[in-house]
Amino acid sequence: MRNRLGALVVAALAVVPVAACGFQSGPGGSGAAHVVIALQFTPAAGFALETDDAYVLSRVGCLETLVRYDQATAELLPELATAWDRVESNVWEFTLRDDVTFQNGTQMTATEVADALDHALQVDAPARAFTPDDVADVEALDEQTVRITTAGASPLLPYRLASPNTGILAPEAYQADTGTDVLGTCTGPFQVTSYSANQAMTMQRYPDYWGQTPELASVEARFVPEGETRANQLRSGEAQIGLEIPSTSVLTLENDTNLDVTHESTPRTTALYLNNDREPFDDVRVRRAVQAALDLSLIADTVFEGGAQPAIGPFAPDEVWAPDEQPVPQDLDAARELLAEAGYGPGDLSLTLYGYVERAEFADLAAVIQANLASIGINVAVSVPEYAALEPSLLSGDYDMALMSRNHLADIPDPAGYLEADYTCDGGFNISHFCDPEFDALVQRARTEDDADRRAEIYAEAAAFLQENVVSVFIVHEQISAATAVEIDGFSDDPLNRYAITPDLRVSEQ
């Protein structure tokens, strides 16, 4: 979510030109080289941590959180905190590392951590992962202990503190007039040295990092929304790492002997979000008609070139919280009958469908949906702007249909964050403009349930509700693809979009 679109520029950072292509040697030889990474999303909110800009800072190795989530083991691991303990049903205490300095050289203590988390709560639009509705108080008990009191029983608080939106910056970062100053205020292995708005930022290895000494000397992160452009920069050697490679470019990159392509299963589902709050989608029969009109198998095989599977709801079949469902098959006759029952004949509905350019496959997907809906008499106009230009219309409800690729473990690494944000009455990302007290009560039960197995059962029940009521039309469960130059070692593509530039990255001798 981008709460301050086009708002603040990081004035403290110098504007620099984009660096030259190819590897550049740094101190220490090839293992300390300079590399270029092509990122999908562009910072759009002056690095305000309550926005998606926090994910950019985390990916480039600048921003760190108290805990981190390991997707491979589904476990929370220490980061800036070494331990955490639930001392009461609504009280948690976090023990901090004693050897962490901010990149300006000042010591990180519980006071700075508490102040950073307080700042996250006090902004005009707090991040979905960490809000005053969830957190009542943050205090420093001593130099190394932070106590957090939640508004109610909250077994999921440590998961919330794995979100980049709860990243810890030095007090100097929070400048009221100039936005968030990330120059010297992070704790991570790489420190930002320059920033060119909408183009790129450069980082250097932080020599006093508390953890493993980074192998790389420096990194340039380029902001490249168009997927094909990211792929082309890899092919030309302008970038050595490219994230979120569109399915349309995967085969070409796999055939390039200078590149390695990786594929990872991801808790991400592409869905057609429908505006439930206005005609015609305030009628479930119309929503079901749209669902029945789509050929999910064809979409998975062609648009995603076999790199996805037809959706059964928001959660994929191999996830523990998935409902016992099958993909809805295309049935054009049933779709036409549902429209007729709702009072719509052929040509009565003319709607607009939005995608966004950061997802290269959305243009083709929108064209398929346009054709599918035309076959049941719904006229569809397609628009594919950049996401930052689109989001205000989605949040305000000024739209009919929109494609959305959502990682349901992104806000917090537990489905409660996604279900609450996207589908509860007061959800911070409820672009469906859907509201049902019964569903809200279901999510609230999950939020306060201590037993993980019971939570999974509740999530499956919630998923079945969303599928049955077609609040959104879930289309495919995705995988993510990334590509690197063959010289890159130590890269791991994070399915939760949180980590990319790590101390393990290095350039090998060829």
Protein backbone atom coordinates (compact mmCIF):
# COMPACT_ATOMS: atom_id res chain seq x y z
CA MET A 1 0.00 0.00 0.00
CA ARG A 2 1.33 3.41 -0.93
CA ASN A 3 -0.09 5.93 1.50
CA ARG A 4 1.71 9.06 0.25
CA LEU A 5 1.79 8.71 -3.51
CA GLY A 6 4.28 11.09 -5.06
CA ALA A 7 4.63 12.85 -1.73
CA LEU A 8 8.08 13.17 -0.27
CA VAL A 9 11.56 13.17 -1.80
CA VAL A 10 14.48 12.02 0.27
CA ALA A 11 16.25 15.36 0.23
CA ALA A 12 19.19 14.16 2.26
CA LEU A 13 20.30 11.82 -0.52
CA ALA A 14 22.29 13.04 -3.51
CA VAL A 15 20.88 12.58 -6.99
CA VAL A 16 23.22 10.46 -9.09
CA PRO A 17 23.27 9.09 -12.61
CA VAL A 18 22.73 5.40 -13.29
CA ALA A 19 25.97 3.44 -13.09
CA ALA A 20 27.59 1.80 -16.07
CA CYS A 21 26.63 -1.75 -16.96
CA GLY A 22 28.56 -4.88 -16.02
CA PHE A 23 30.51 -5.98 -12.97
CA GLN A 24 32.81 -3.53 -11.29
CA SER A 25 35.57 -4.57 -8.92
CA GLY A 26 35.54 -3.28 -5.38
CA PRO A 27 38.04 -3.56 -2.56
CA GLY A 28 39.13 -7.13 -2.08
CA GLY A 29 38.89 -8.42 -5.65
CA SER A 30 36.01 -10.16 -7.45
CA GLY A 31 34.40 -11.31 -4.22
CA ALA A 32 33.88 -7.66 -3.34
CA ALA A 33 32.45 -6.59 -6.69
CA HIS A 34 29.72 -4.11 -7.49
CA VAL A 35 26.49 -5.60 -8.89
CA VAL A 36 23.26 -4.20 -10.30
CA ILE A 37 19.81 -5.52 -9.34
CA ALA A 38 16.65 -4.67 -11.27
CA LEU A 39 13.63 -4.26 -8.96
CA GLN A 40 9.96 -4.29 -9.92
CA PHE A 41 8.52 -1.49 -7.79
CA THR A 42 9.68 2.11 -7.51
CA PRO A 43 9.73 3.92 -4.14
CA ALA A 44 6.77 6.28 -4.24
CA ALA A 45 6.38 7.62 -0.72
CA GLY A 46 9.68 9.14 0.37
CA PHE A 47 10.71 5.86 2.04
CA ALA A 48 7.90 6.10 4.60
CA LEU A 49 8.07 2.76 6.38
CA GLU A 50 4.30 2.42 6.59
CA THR A 51 4.26 2.00 2.79
CA ASP A 52 5.63 -0.52 0.32
CA ASP A 53 8.84 1.53 0.25
CA ALA A 54 9.84 -0.42 3.36
CA TYR A 55 10.04 -3.57 1.24
CA VAL A 56 12.49 -1.86 -1.12
CA LEU A 57 14.74 -0.89 1.80
CA SER A 58 14.57 -4.43 3.15
CA ARG A 59 15.34 -6.00 -0.22
CA VAL A 60 18.45 -3.91 -0.76
CA GLY A 61 19.92 -4.87 2.62
CA CYS A 62 19.42 -1.58 4.47
CA LEU A 63 16.36 -2.07 6.71
CA GLU A 64 16.06 -4.74 9.41
CA THR A 65 13.32 -5.87 11.80
CA LEU A 66 13.29 -7.40 15.26
CA VAL A 67 12.52 -10.85 13.86
CA ARG A 68 12.56 -12.36 10.40
CA TYR A 69 10.44 -15.10 8.87
CA ASP A 70 12.08 -18.08 7.16
CA GLN A 71 9.75 -19.23 4.39
CA ALA A 72 11.60 -22.53 3.99
CA THR A 73 11.02 -23.62 7.59
CA ALA A 74 7.92 -21.48 8.32
CA GLU A 75 9.70 -20.28 11.46
CA LEU A 76 10.47 -16.91 13.02
CA LEU A 77 14.19 -16.30 13.45
CA PRO A 78 16.14 -13.72 15.47
CA GLU A 79 17.28 -10.55 13.74
CA LEU A 80 17.64 -7.36 15.81
CA ALA A 81 16.03 -9.24 18.70
CA THR A 82 17.66 -12.40 20.01
CA ALA A 83 14.63 -13.69 21.94
CA TRP A 84 10.98 -12.91 22.68
CA ASP A 85 8.62 -14.10 25.35
CA ARG A 86 4.88 -13.79 25.92
CA VAL A 87 4.72 -12.80 29.58
CA GLU A 88 0.95 -12.24 29.59
CA SER A 89 -1.81 -12.95 27.09
CA ASN A 90 -1.42 -9.43 25.71
CA VAL A 91 2.18 -8.60 26.67
CA TRP A 92 5.36 -9.57 24.84
CA GLU A 93 8.97 -8.77 25.74
CA PHE A 94 11.78 -8.69 23.16
CA THR A 95 15.46 -8.96 24.10
CA LEU A 96 17.68 -6.96 21.72
CA ARG A 97 21.17 -7.62 20.45
CA ASP A 98 23.76 -5.57 22.33
CA ASP A 99 26.15 -5.10 19.39
CA VAL A 100 24.00 -3.25 16.85
CA THR A 101 24.86 0.21 15.62
CA PHE A 102 22.96 2.37 13.19
CA GLN A 103 24.92 3.20 10.07
CA ASN A 104 25.68 6.67 11.45
CA GLY A 105 27.67 4.95 14.20
CA THR A 106 25.23 5.44 17.10
CA GLN A 107 24.23 2.53 19.33
CA MET A 108 20.84 0.86 18.98
CA THR A 109 19.13 0.43 22.35
CA ALA A 110 15.62 -0.33 23.49
CA THR A 111 14.84 3.39 23.59
CA GLU A 112 15.51 3.84 19.87
CA VAL A 113 13.59 0.66 19.04
CA ALA A 114 10.57 1.73 21.10
CA ASP A 115 10.65 5.17 19.50
CA ALA A 116 10.77 3.66 16.00
CA LEU A 117 7.80 1.40 16.70
CA ASP A 118 5.90 4.28 18.29
CA HIS A 119 6.50 6.30 15.14
CA ALA A 120 5.01 3.45 13.09
CA LEU A 121 1.86 3.64 15.23
CA GLN A 122 1.51 7.42 15.12
CA VAL A 123 1.66 8.08 11.38
CA ASP A 124 -1.53 9.21 9.67
CA ALA A 125 -2.11 5.83 7.99
CA PRO A 126 -0.28 3.04 9.86
CA ALA A 127 0.77 -0.06 7.96
CA ARG A 128 -1.65 -2.96 7.96
CA ALA A 129 0.84 -5.11 9.86
CA PHE A 130 1.18 -2.79 12.85
CA THR A 131 -1.63 -0.47 13.91
CA PRO A 132 -3.03 1.10 17.10
CA ASP A 133 -5.95 -1.31 16.74
CA ASP A 134 -3.49 -4.12 17.47
CA VAL A 135 -0.85 -2.46 19.65
CA ALA A 136 -1.69 -0.45 22.76
CA ASP A 137 1.78 0.45 24.05
CA VAL A 138 5.50 0.11 23.35
CA GLU A 139 8.06 0.82 26.07
CA ALA A 140 11.76 0.32 26.81
CA LEU A 141 12.14 -1.63 30.06
CA ASP A 142 15.93 -1.34 30.08
CA GLU A 143 18.65 -0.85 27.48
CA GLN A 144 18.08 -4.25 25.85
CA THR A 145 14.40 -5.06 26.51
CA VAL A 146 11.32 -3.76 24.72
CA ARG A 147 7.85 -4.50 26.06
CA ILE A 148 4.86 -4.41 23.70
CA THR A 149 1.32 -4.50 25.03
CA THR A 150 -1.38 -5.43 22.55
CA ALA A 151 -4.99 -4.28 22.51
CA GLY A 152 -6.14 -7.83 23.22
CA ALA A 153 -4.80 -11.36 23.23
CA SER A 154 -2.38 -11.43 20.31
CA PRO A 155 -0.49 -14.66 19.62
CA LEU A 156 0.52 -13.25 16.23
CA LEU A 157 2.46 -10.18 17.44
CA PRO A 158 5.92 -11.63 16.64
CA TYR A 159 4.70 -12.30 13.09
CA ARG A 160 3.72 -8.65 12.80
CA LEU A 161 7.22 -7.62 13.84
CA ALA A 162 8.67 -9.58 10.92
CA SER A 163 7.06 -7.10 8.53
CA PRO A 164 9.41 -4.56 6.90
CA ASN A 165 6.82 -1.94 7.91
CA THR A 166 8.14 -2.42 11.47
CA GLY A 167 11.77 -1.92 10.45
CA ILE A 168 13.99 -0.04 12.87
CA LEU A 169 15.62 3.26 11.90
CA ALA A 170 17.66 5.71 13.95
CA PRO A 171 15.81 8.74 15.40
CA GLU A 172 17.43 10.99 12.77
CA ALA A 173 15.44 9.20 10.05
CA TYR A 174 12.15 10.82 10.93
CA GLN A 175 12.32 14.30 9.47
CA ALA A 176 8.92 15.98 9.42
CA ASP A 177 9.65 18.25 6.46
CA THR A 178 11.76 16.06 4.19
CA GLY A 179 10.33 12.58 4.63
CA THR A 180 12.25 9.56 5.89
CA ASP A 181 16.02 10.02 5.76
CA VAL A 182 17.60 6.59 5.19
CA LEU A 183 21.14 7.98 4.85
CA GLY A 184 23.02 6.40 7.77
CA THR A 185 19.90 5.44 9.73
CA CYS A 186 19.50 1.72 8.87
CA THR A 187 21.12 -1.21 10.69
CA GLY A 188 21.58 -3.62 7.78
CA PRO A 189 24.65 -4.92 5.93
CA PHE A 190 24.37 -2.25 3.19
CA GLN A 191 24.00 1.50 3.61
CA VAL A 192 22.38 3.83 1.10
CA THR A 193 24.86 6.31 -0.36
CA SER A 194 22.83 7.98 -3.12
CA TYR A 195 19.35 8.03 -4.61
CA SER A 196 17.97 9.15 -7.96
CA ALA A 197 14.18 9.47 -7.76
CA ASN A 198 12.33 6.93 -9.91
CA GLN A 199 15.61 5.59 -11.28
CA ALA A 200 18.07 3.98 -8.89
CA MET A 201 19.79 3.94 -5.53
CA THR A 202 23.32 2.86 -4.61
CA MET A 203 24.51 1.07 -1.49
CA GLN A 204 27.89 0.33 0.02
CA ARG A 205 28.88 -2.39 2.45
CA TYR A 206 28.48 -1.24 6.06
CA PRO A 207 31.82 -2.10 7.71
CA ASP A 208 30.47 -2.22 11.28
CA TYR A 209 27.53 -4.49 10.56
CA TRP A 210 26.61 -6.63 13.58
CA GLY A 211 26.28 -9.83 11.50
CA GLN A 212 28.23 -11.57 8.77
CA THR A 213 30.51 -9.24 6.80
CA PRO A 214 29.00 -8.76 3.33
CA GLU A 215 30.90 -10.25 0.41
CA LEU A 216 29.94 -7.44 -1.99
CA ALA A 217 31.44 -3.96 -1.76
CA SER A 218 28.56 -2.09 -3.36
CA VAL A 219 25.20 -2.51 -5.10
CA GLU A 220 23.06 -0.45 -7.43
CA ALA A 221 19.31 -1.08 -7.29
CA ARG A 222 17.41 0.05 -10.38
CA PHE A 223 13.67 0.64 -10.38
CA VAL A 224 12.33 -1.03 -13.51
CA PRO A 225 8.53 -1.47 -13.45
CA GLU A 226 8.28 -3.07 -16.91
CA GLY A 227 9.01 -6.78 -16.72
CA GLU A 228 10.32 -7.07 -20.26
CA THR A 229 12.77 -4.24 -19.57
CA ARG A 230 14.09 -6.07 -16.51
CA ALA A 231 14.59 -9.16 -18.64
CA ASN A 232 16.36 -7.17 -21.36
CA GLN A 233 18.74 -5.60 -18.84
CA LEU A 234 19.74 -9.09 -17.73
CA ARG A 235 20.31 -10.24 -21.31
CA SER A 236 22.43 -7.20 -22.10
CA GLY A 237 24.49 -7.49 -18.92
CA GLU A 238 23.29 -4.12 -17.60
CA ALA A 239 21.90 -5.92 -14.52
CA GLN A 240 23.23 -9.05 -12.86
CA ILE A 241 20.13 -9.80 -10.76
CA GLY A 242 16.52 -9.39 -11.88
CA LEU A 243 13.47 -10.05 -9.73
CA GLU A 244 9.88 -10.87 -10.70
CA ILE A 245 10.70 -12.04 -14.21
CA PRO A 246 7.45 -12.24 -16.22
CA SER A 247 6.44 -15.65 -17.52
CA THR A 248 6.66 -14.30 -21.08
CA SER A 249 10.43 -13.78 -20.67
CA VAL A 250 11.35 -16.92 -18.73
CA LEU A 251 12.05 -19.24 -21.68
CA THR A 252 14.27 -16.67 -23.41
CA LEU A 253 16.34 -16.16 -20.27
CA GLU A 254 16.57 -19.91 -19.63
CA ASN A 255 18.11 -20.30 -23.09
CA ASP A 256 20.78 -17.68 -22.31
CA THR A 257 23.96 -19.46 -21.19
CA ASN A 258 25.09 -16.33 -19.34
CA LEU A 259 22.14 -16.48 -16.97
CA ASP A 260 20.68 -18.74 -14.28
CA VAL A 261 16.90 -18.70 -13.80
CA THR A 262 15.25 -19.81 -10.56
CA HIS A 263 11.62 -20.67 -9.84
CA GLU A 264 10.06 -20.66 -6.38
CA SER A 265 6.63 -21.59 -5.13
CA THR A 266 5.07 -18.55 -3.57
CA PRO A 267 2.03 -17.81 -1.40
CA ARG A 268 0.77 -15.52 -4.15
CA THR A 269 -2.53 -15.64 -6.03
CA THR A 270 -3.66 -13.56 -8.97
CA ALA A 271 -7.32 -12.62 -8.64
CA LEU A 272 -9.89 -10.48 -10.39
CA TYR A 273 -11.01 -8.06 -7.69
CA LEU A 274 -14.61 -6.91 -8.07
CA ASN A 275 -16.13 -3.77 -6.57
CA ASN A 276 -18.76 -5.39 -4.35
CA ASP A 277 -20.11 -2.02 -3.24
CA ARG A 278 -21.73 -0.91 -6.49
CA GLU A 279 -23.63 -2.31 -9.44
CA PRO A 280 -23.38 -4.79 -10.97
CA PHE A 281 -21.09 -6.60 -8.51
CA ASP A 282 -23.26 -5.92 -5.47
CA ASP A 283 -25.26 -8.89 -6.86
CA VAL A 284 -23.59 -12.24 -6.17
CA ARG A 285 -25.21 -13.69 -9.30
CA VAL A 286 -23.20 -11.33 -11.48
CA ARG A 287 -20.01 -12.17 -9.59
CA ARG A 288 -20.71 -15.88 -10.10
CA ALA A 289 -21.39 -15.28 -13.78
CA VAL A 290 -17.97 -13.70 -14.20
CA GLN A 291 -16.38 -16.57 -12.29
CA ALA A 292 -18.11 -19.14 -14.52
CA ALA A 293 -17.07 -17.32 -17.70
CA LEU A 294 -13.31 -17.61 -17.11
CA ASP A 295 -11.25 -20.51 -18.44
CA LEU A 296 -8.72 -20.86 -15.62
CA SER A 297 -6.89 -23.84 -17.11
CA LEU A 298 -6.35 -22.02 -20.40
CA ILE A 299 -5.10 -18.94 -18.54
CA ALA A 300 -2.63 -20.98 -16.47
CA ASP A 301 -1.29 -22.80 -19.53
CA THR A 302 -1.09 -19.85 -21.94
CA VAL A 303 -0.85 -16.51 -20.16
CA PHE A 304 1.38 -17.95 -17.41
CA GLU A 305 2.96 -20.50 -19.76
CA GLY A 306 2.48 -23.36 -17.32
CA GLY A 307 4.08 -21.45 -14.44
CA ALA A 308 0.86 -21.31 -12.43
CA GLN A 309 -2.08 -23.52 -11.50
CA PRO A 310 -5.83 -22.79 -11.59
CA ALA A 311 -6.92 -21.27 -8.29
CA ILE A 312 -9.21 -22.93 -5.75
CA GLY A 313 -9.57 -19.78 -3.65
CA PRO A 314 -6.98 -17.49 -2.10
CA PHE A 315 -4.74 -20.34 -0.88
CA ALA A 316 -3.02 -22.99 -3.01
CA PRO A 317 -3.83 -26.71 -2.50
CA ASP A 318 -0.50 -27.49 -0.82
CA GLU A 319 -0.98 -24.86 1.90
CA VAL A 320 -2.27 -26.04 5.26
CA TRP A 321 -5.08 -23.48 5.28
CA ALA A 322 -6.40 -24.29 1.81
CA PRO A 323 -10.08 -25.33 1.60
CA ASP A 324 -11.11 -28.68 0.13
CA GLU A 325 -12.10 -27.21 -3.22
CA GLN A 326 -11.62 -27.72 -6.96
CA PRO A 327 -11.10 -24.95 -9.53
CA VAL A 328 -14.39 -23.62 -10.91
CA PRO A 329 -14.69 -24.90 -14.52
CA GLN A 330 -15.72 -22.60 -17.32
CA ASP A 331 -19.48 -22.84 -17.99
CA LEU A 332 -20.68 -20.17 -20.39
CA ASP A 333 -24.31 -21.34 -20.39
CA ALA A 334 -24.48 -21.15 -16.59
CA ALA A 335 -22.87 -17.71 -16.71
CA ARG A 336 -25.48 -16.41 -19.17
CA GLU A 337 -28.30 -17.82 -17.04
CA LEU A 338 -26.93 -16.10 -13.92
CA LEU A 339 -26.76 -12.78 -15.74
CA ALA A 340 -30.33 -13.20 -16.96
CA GLU A 341 -31.52 -13.98 -13.41
CA ALA A 342 -29.82 -10.76 -12.27
CA GLY A 343 -31.69 -8.84 -14.98
CA TYR A 344 -28.87 -8.31 -17.48
CA GLY A 345 -29.07 -9.20 -21.14
CA PRO A 346 -26.33 -9.30 -23.78
CA GLY A 347 -24.72 -5.88 -24.11
CA ASP A 348 -26.34 -4.39 -21.01
CA LEU A 349 -23.08 -4.24 -19.07
CA SER A 350 -20.08 -2.16 -20.15
CA LEU A 351 -17.27 -2.32 -17.58
CA THR A 352 -13.63 -1.30 -17.19
CA LEU A 353 -10.92 -3.76 -16.21
CA TYR A 354 -7.62 -2.49 -14.79
CA GLY A 355 -4.24 -4.20 -14.70
CA TYR A 356 -0.87 -2.60 -13.98
CA VAL A 357 2.36 -2.53 -15.93
CA GLU A 358 4.54 -3.93 -13.12
CA ARG A 359 2.95 -7.31 -13.91
CA ALA A 360 3.85 -7.87 -17.55
CA GLU A 361 1.42 -10.79 -17.89
CA PHE A 362 -1.56 -8.63 -16.89
CA ALA A 363 -1.96 -7.13 -20.36
CA ASP A 364 -2.41 -10.60 -21.88
CA LEU A 365 -4.52 -11.77 -18.95
CA ALA A 366 -6.82 -8.77 -19.31
CA ALA A 367 -7.25 -9.55 -23.00
CA VAL A 368 -8.28 -13.14 -22.21
CA ILE A 369 -10.76 -11.99 -19.57
CA GLN A 370 -12.10 -9.40 -22.00
CA ALA A 371 -12.74 -12.15 -24.56
CA ASN A 372 -14.25 -14.55 -22.00
CA LEU A 373 -16.69 -11.92 -20.76
CA ALA A 374 -17.57 -10.86 -24.29
CA SER A 375 -18.75 -14.42 -24.87
CA ILE A 376 -21.45 -13.92 -22.22
CA GLY A 377 -22.42 -10.44 -23.41
CA ILE A 378 -20.35 -8.22 -21.11
CA ASN A 379 -18.41 -5.44 -22.83
CA VAL A 380 -15.02 -4.78 -21.21
CA ALA A 381 -12.59 -1.90 -21.76
CA VAL A 382 -9.03 -2.55 -20.57
CA SER A 383 -6.62 -0.07 -18.97
CA VAL A 384 -3.09 -0.96 -17.75
CA PRO A 385 -1.40 2.02 -15.99
CA GLU A 386 1.43 1.96 -13.46
CA TYR A 387 0.25 0.67 -10.09
CA ALA A 388 0.98 3.90 -8.20
CA ALA A 389 -1.43 5.78 -10.48
CA LEU A 390 -4.11 3.11 -10.08
CA GLU A 391 -4.20 2.47 -6.33
CA PRO A 392 -6.10 5.62 -5.26
CA SER A 393 -9.03 4.64 -7.50
CA LEU A 394 -9.03 1.12 -6.09
CA LEU A 395 -9.04 2.29 -2.49
CA SER A 396 -11.74 4.90 -3.10
CA GLY A 397 -13.98 2.43 -4.96
CA ASP A 398 -13.83 4.29 -8.26
CA TYR A 399 -13.49 1.17 -10.43
CA ASP A 400 -15.34 -1.93 -11.66
CA MET A 401 -12.78 -4.74 -11.91
CA ALA A 402 -9.02 -4.92 -11.28
CA LEU A 403 -6.39 -7.59 -11.56
CA MET A 404 -4.31 -7.98 -8.44
CA SER A 405 -1.41 -10.26 -7.58
CA ARG A 406 -1.45 -10.65 -3.79
CA ASN A 407 1.00 -12.46 -1.56
CA HIS A 408 -1.12 -13.55 1.38
CA LEU A 409 1.87 -13.76 3.70
CA ALA A 410 3.27 -10.34 2.80
CA ASP A 411 1.69 -8.09 5.43
CA ILE A 412 2.50 -10.59 8.16
CA PRO A 413 3.68 -14.18 7.56
CA ASP A 414 0.29 -15.56 8.59
CA PRO A 415 -2.96 -15.37 6.56
CA ALA A 416 -4.70 -13.30 9.23
CA GLY A 417 -2.99 -10.14 7.97
CA TYR A 418 -4.13 -10.66 4.38
CA LEU A 419 -7.69 -11.70 5.26
CA GLU A 420 -8.08 -8.75 7.60
CA ALA A 421 -6.62 -6.20 5.18
CA ASP A 422 -8.42 -7.34 2.03
CA TYR A 423 -11.79 -8.60 3.19
CA THR A 424 -12.90 -7.22 6.55
CA CYS A 425 -15.18 -4.19 6.80
CA ASP A 426 -12.41 -1.88 8.03
CA GLY A 427 -9.56 -3.60 6.18
CA GLY A 428 -6.78 -1.27 5.10
CA PHE A 429 -6.66 -2.82 1.62
CA ASN A 430 -10.31 -3.75 1.16
CA ILE A 431 -10.44 -2.78 -2.50
CA SER A 432 -13.31 -5.24 -2.96
CA HIS A 433 -15.33 -2.87 -0.73
CA PHE A 434 -16.83 -5.99 0.80
CA CYS A 435 -18.30 -6.01 4.30
CA ASP A 436 -19.86 -8.94 6.16
CA PRO A 437 -19.95 -9.07 9.98
CA GLU A 438 -19.97 -12.87 9.86
CA PHE A 439 -16.70 -12.89 7.96
CA ASP A 440 -15.19 -10.26 10.28
CA ALA A 441 -16.03 -12.45 13.26
CA LEU A 442 -14.32 -15.41 11.58
CA VAL A 443 -11.09 -13.45 11.07
CA GLN A 444 -11.21 -12.14 14.64
CA ARG A 445 -11.41 -15.72 15.94
CA ALA A 446 -8.27 -16.58 13.99
CA ARG A 447 -6.40 -13.51 15.26
CA THR A 448 -6.84 -14.55 18.87
CA GLU A 449 -6.49 -18.33 18.49
CA ASP A 450 -3.32 -19.70 20.12
CA ASP A 451 -3.42 -23.12 18.47
CA ALA A 452 -1.87 -23.05 14.98
CA ASP A 453 -3.83 -26.09 13.77
CA ARG A 454 -7.11 -24.52 14.82
CA ARG A 455 -6.12 -21.26 13.13
CA ALA A 456 -5.49 -23.20 9.93
CA GLU A 457 -9.01 -24.65 10.10
CA ILE A 458 -10.47 -21.16 10.50
CA TYR A 459 -8.46 -19.87 7.55
CA ALA A 460 -9.75 -22.71 5.38
CA GLU A 461 -13.29 -21.82 6.42
CA ALA A 462 -12.66 -18.18 5.51
CA ALA A 463 -11.19 -19.16 2.15
CA ALA A 464 -14.22 -21.32 1.35
CA PHE A 465 -16.49 -18.37 2.24
CA LEU A 466 -14.66 -16.05 -0.15
CA GLN A 467 -14.76 -18.62 -2.95
CA GLU A 468 -18.44 -19.49 -2.47
CA ASN A 469 -19.51 -15.85 -2.35
CA VAL A 470 -17.14 -14.87 -5.17
CA VAL A 471 -15.97 -11.79 -3.32
CA SER A 472 -13.04 -11.97 -5.74
CA VAL A 473 -12.54 -14.29 -8.69
CA PHE A 474 -9.38 -16.22 -7.81
CA ILE A 475 -7.60 -17.05 -11.06
CA VAL A 476 -4.21 -18.72 -10.56
CA HIS A 477 -1.75 -19.64 -7.83
CA GLU A 478 1.65 -18.39 -8.94
CA GLN A 479 5.31 -19.16 -8.79
CA ILE A 480 7.98 -16.47 -8.93
CA SER A 481 10.98 -16.42 -11.22
CA ALA A 482 14.24 -14.55 -10.90
CA ALA A 483 17.40 -14.51 -12.98
CA THR A 484 21.03 -13.86 -12.20
CA ALA A 485 24.27 -13.73 -14.11
CA VAL A 486 26.07 -17.07 -13.83
CA GLU A 487 28.84 -15.36 -11.85
CA ILE A 488 26.45 -14.57 -8.99
CA ASP A 489 26.61 -16.95 -6.04
CA GLY A 490 24.60 -16.94 -2.82
CA PHE A 491 21.37 -15.54 -4.27
CA SER A 492 18.03 -16.78 -2.96
CA ASP A 493 14.70 -15.51 -4.30
CA ASP A 494 12.48 -14.75 -1.32
CA PRO A 495 8.82 -15.72 -1.93
CA LEU A 496 7.73 -12.99 0.51
CA ASN A 497 9.58 -10.22 -1.37
CA ARG A 498 11.55 -9.12 1.70
CA TYR A 499 15.17 -10.10 1.07
CA ALA A 500 17.43 -10.01 -1.98
CA ILE A 501 20.74 -8.25 -1.23
CA THR A 502 22.29 -10.22 1.63
CA PRO A 503 25.78 -10.72 3.08
CA ASP A 504 25.93 -14.10 1.28
CA LEU A 505 25.85 -12.58 -2.22
CA ARG A 506 29.14 -12.70 -4.07
CA VAL A 507 30.67 -12.76 -7.54
CA SER A 508 32.61 -15.92 -8.30
CA GLU A 509 35.71 -16.33 -10.46
CA GLN A 510 34.81 -17.63 -13.93
